[in-house]
Amino acid sequence: MAFIKYFLIILLILYIIRVILRVVFPIVIKNMFSKVQQQAANNAQQTKRQNSEPDGSISIDYMPPQPKSGNADKLGDFVDYEEIK
């Protein structure tokens, strides 16, 4: 008799959890998606403010030439070769 009582209590608890999840889970997911959407909109507005250049403008950042690494004397000799058919 005790086994049946515990079994019914477990079934009742699982049913209550199932009903609560059907009500609460969509609300939680909706709130999470709305927060993510708001953050994305805020990020888009911030990047739009930062990139206030007009359309079609080109900006080139100057990069100084890098010195070649290594010494030509240490790299070895170049050997010409001919292709034999």
C-alpha atoms as a PDB file:
ATOM      1  CA  MET A   1       0.000   0.000   0.000  1.00  0.00           C
ATOM      2  CA  ALA A   2       2.866   2.374   0.812  1.00  0.00           C
ATOM      3  CA  PHE A   3       4.398   1.694  -2.611  1.00  0.00           C
ATOM      4  CA  ILE A   4       1.202   2.726  -4.390  1.00  0.00           C
ATOM      5  CA  LYS A   5       0.954   5.850  -2.240  1.00  0.00           C
ATOM      6  CA  TYR A   6       4.546   6.933  -3.098  1.00  0.00           C
ATOM      7  CA  PHE A   7       4.014   6.068  -6.746  1.00  0.00           C
ATOM      8  CA  LEU A   8       0.879   8.238  -6.923  1.00  0.00           C
ATOM      9  CA  ILE A   9       2.657  11.109  -5.140  1.00  0.00           C
ATOM     10  CA  ILE A  10       5.549  10.920  -7.622  1.00  0.00           C
ATOM     11  CA  LEU A  11       3.101  10.904 -10.553  1.00  0.00           C
ATOM     12  CA  LEU A  12       1.269  13.899  -9.086  1.00  0.00           C
ATOM     13  CA  ILE A  13       4.531  15.827  -8.606  1.00  0.00           C
ATOM     14  CA  LEU A  14       5.651  15.046 -12.159  1.00  0.00           C
ATOM     15  CA  TYR A  15       2.285  16.171 -13.545  1.00  0.00           C
ATOM     16  CA  ILE A  16       2.469  19.446 -11.589  1.00  0.00           C
ATOM     17  CA  ILE A  17       6.026  20.067 -12.832  1.00  0.00           C
ATOM     18  CA  ARG A  18       4.869  19.384 -16.400  1.00  0.00           C
ATOM     19  CA  VAL A  19       1.997  21.882 -16.123  1.00  0.00           C
ATOM     20  CA  ILE A  20       4.235  24.522 -14.550  1.00  0.00           C
ATOM     21  CA  LEU A  21       6.868  24.081 -17.261  1.00  0.00           C
ATOM     22  CA  ARG A  22       4.239  24.483 -19.992  1.00  0.00           C
ATOM     23  CA  VAL A  23       3.269  27.829 -18.492  1.00  0.00           C
ATOM     24  CA  VAL A  24       6.620  29.143 -17.262  1.00  0.00           C
ATOM     25  CA  PHE A  25       9.014  27.939 -19.994  1.00  0.00           C
ATOM     26  CA  PRO A  26       7.512  29.976 -22.875  1.00  0.00           C
ATOM     27  CA  ILE A  27       7.528  33.114 -20.715  1.00  0.00           C
ATOM     28  CA  VAL A  28      11.184  32.609 -19.785  1.00  0.00           C
ATOM     29  CA  ILE A  29      12.188  31.956 -23.403  1.00  0.00           C
ATOM     30  CA  LYS A  30      10.243  35.028 -24.604  1.00  0.00           C
ATOM     31  CA  ASN A  31      12.022  37.208 -22.028  1.00  0.00           C
ATOM     32  CA  MET A  32      15.430  35.829 -23.012  1.00  0.00           C
ATOM     33  CA  PHE A  33      14.800  36.464 -26.722  1.00  0.00           C
ATOM     34  CA  SER A  34      13.569  39.997 -26.063  1.00  0.00           C
ATOM     35  CA  LYS A  35      16.713  40.782 -24.015  1.00  0.00           C
ATOM     36  CA  VAL A  36      18.960  39.432 -26.766  1.00  0.00           C
ATOM     37  CA  GLN A  37      17.043  41.421 -29.365  1.00  0.00           C
ATOM     38  CA  GLN A  38      17.384  44.621 -27.327  1.00  0.00           C
ATOM     39  CA  GLN A  39      21.122  44.061 -26.889  1.00  0.00           C
ATOM     40  CA  ALA A  40      21.546  43.517 -30.619  1.00  0.00           C
ATOM     41  CA  ALA A  41      19.611  46.702 -31.369  1.00  0.00           C
ATOM     42  CA  ASN A  42      21.741  48.652 -28.878  1.00  0.00           C
ATOM     43  CA  ASN A  43      24.937  47.277 -30.409  1.00  0.00           C
ATOM     44  CA  ALA A  44      23.728  48.201 -33.900  1.00  0.00           C
ATOM     45  CA  GLN A  45      22.956  51.751 -32.772  1.00  0.00           C
ATOM     46  CA  GLN A  46      26.370  52.105 -31.142  1.00  0.00           C
ATOM     47  CA  THR A  47      28.209  50.885 -34.234  1.00  0.00           C
ATOM     48  CA  LYS A  48      26.083  53.196 -36.395  1.00  0.00           C
ATOM     49  CA  ARG A  49      27.107  56.147 -34.214  1.00  0.00           C
ATOM     50  CA  GLN A  50      30.779  55.160 -34.337  1.00  0.00           C
ATOM     51  CA  ASN A  51      30.749  54.763 -38.116  1.00  0.00           C
ATOM     52  CA  SER A  52      29.410  58.216 -38.867  1.00  0.00           C
ATOM     53  CA  GLU A  53      31.291  58.434 -42.173  1.00  0.00           C
ATOM     54  CA  PRO A  54      29.087  59.096 -45.191  1.00  0.00           C
ATOM     55  CA  ASP A  55      28.389  56.271 -47.621  1.00  0.00           C
ATOM     56  CA  GLY A  56      30.973  55.848 -50.340  1.00  0.00           C
ATOM     57  CA  SER A  57      33.868  57.321 -48.378  1.00  0.00           C
ATOM     58  CA  ILE A  58      37.063  55.346 -48.231  1.00  0.00           C
ATOM     59  CA  SER A  59      39.537  55.432 -45.381  1.00  0.00           C
ATOM     60  CA  ILE A  60      42.902  53.750 -45.635  1.00  0.00           C
ATOM     61  CA  ASP A  61      45.025  53.243 -42.576  1.00  0.00           C
ATOM     62  CA  TYR A  62      48.722  53.675 -43.233  1.00  0.00           C
ATOM     63  CA  MET A  63      50.808  50.664 -42.435  1.00  0.00           C
ATOM     64  CA  PRO A  64      54.553  51.330 -42.400  1.00  0.00           C
ATOM     65  CA  PRO A  65      56.599  48.838 -44.392  1.00  0.00           C
ATOM     66  CA  GLN A  66      58.035  46.046 -42.322  1.00  0.00           C
ATOM     67  CA  PRO A  67      61.754  45.386 -42.607  1.00  0.00           C
ATOM     68  CA  LYS A  68      62.529  42.051 -44.207  1.00  0.00           C
ATOM     69  CA  SER A  69      63.499  39.476 -41.672  1.00  0.00           C
ATOM     70  CA  GLY A  70      66.645  37.544 -42.289  1.00  0.00           C
ATOM     71  CA  ASN A  71      69.800  38.353 -44.129  1.00  0.00           C
ATOM     72  CA  ALA A  72      70.173  37.500 -47.826  1.00  0.00           C
ATOM     73  CA  ASP A  73      73.630  36.094 -47.163  1.00  0.00           C
ATOM     74  CA  LYS A  74      72.289  33.655 -44.602  1.00  0.00           C
ATOM     75  CA  LEU A  75      69.384  32.441 -46.743  1.00  0.00           C
ATOM     76  CA  GLY A  76      71.538  30.419 -49.135  1.00  0.00           C
ATOM     77  CA  ASP A  77      72.325  30.416 -52.811  1.00  0.00           C
ATOM     78  CA  PHE A  78      69.819  30.507 -55.644  1.00  0.00           C
ATOM     79  CA  VAL A  79      70.452  27.763 -58.185  1.00  0.00           C
ATOM     80  CA  ASP A  80      69.085  28.023 -61.707  1.00  0.00           C
ATOM     81  CA  TYR A  81      67.755  24.834 -63.226  1.00  0.00           C
ATOM     82  CA  GLU A  82      66.652  23.777 -66.655  1.00  0.00           C
ATOM     83  CA  GLU A  83      63.711  21.565 -67.341  1.00  0.00           C
ATOM     84  CA  ILE A  84      64.656  18.402 -69.241  1.00  0.00           C
ATOM     85  CA  LYS A  85      62.027  16.831 -71.457  1.00  0.00           C
END
